[in-house]
Amino acid sequence: QSQLVESGGGVVQPGGSLRLSCAGSGLDLKDYAIGWFREVVPGKGRERISCISESGDVANYVDSVKGRFTVSRNNAENTVWLHMNGLKPEDTGVYFCAGHFLAGLCAGAGNKWYSDMALLEVWGQGAQVTVSA
């Protein structure tokens, strides 16, 4: 079964750091652009956080995480990471990685990358991140 497997969530104090991992199982991540999304309220939709191209050469971020979060990948290890520093309580939520097959770059013009989440064919199971004192 082809799927994305996430790990690395947890509870951290404000200002702390976490690293989320997204590993391919039964699929080759080098063929996927990968996006990261956050669901703050269950069932109320997901917001975009970041995405990275198939090659890893191009990364995009929403303004609220720029300078604090970094997305990276190692296709030889079949893994994508989201490094989160300077965490704030408003970063709390369930984080999902998702893959877009043979996308090349993150899909969407300008800052509209993955506004259409239907483009992403495979999703991870989600990882809870809680930022609290």
Foldseek 3Di string as FASTA:
>chain_A
DWAWAKDWADEAAAQAKIKMKIAIDPDQQLQWWKWKWFDADPPPDIHGAKIAFSVRPDIDGDPVQPPFWDWGDDRVRRMIMIIGGRDDQVVWGWMKMFTQGNPGGQDDPDNCRPVPVVNTDHMYPTHGHGYHD
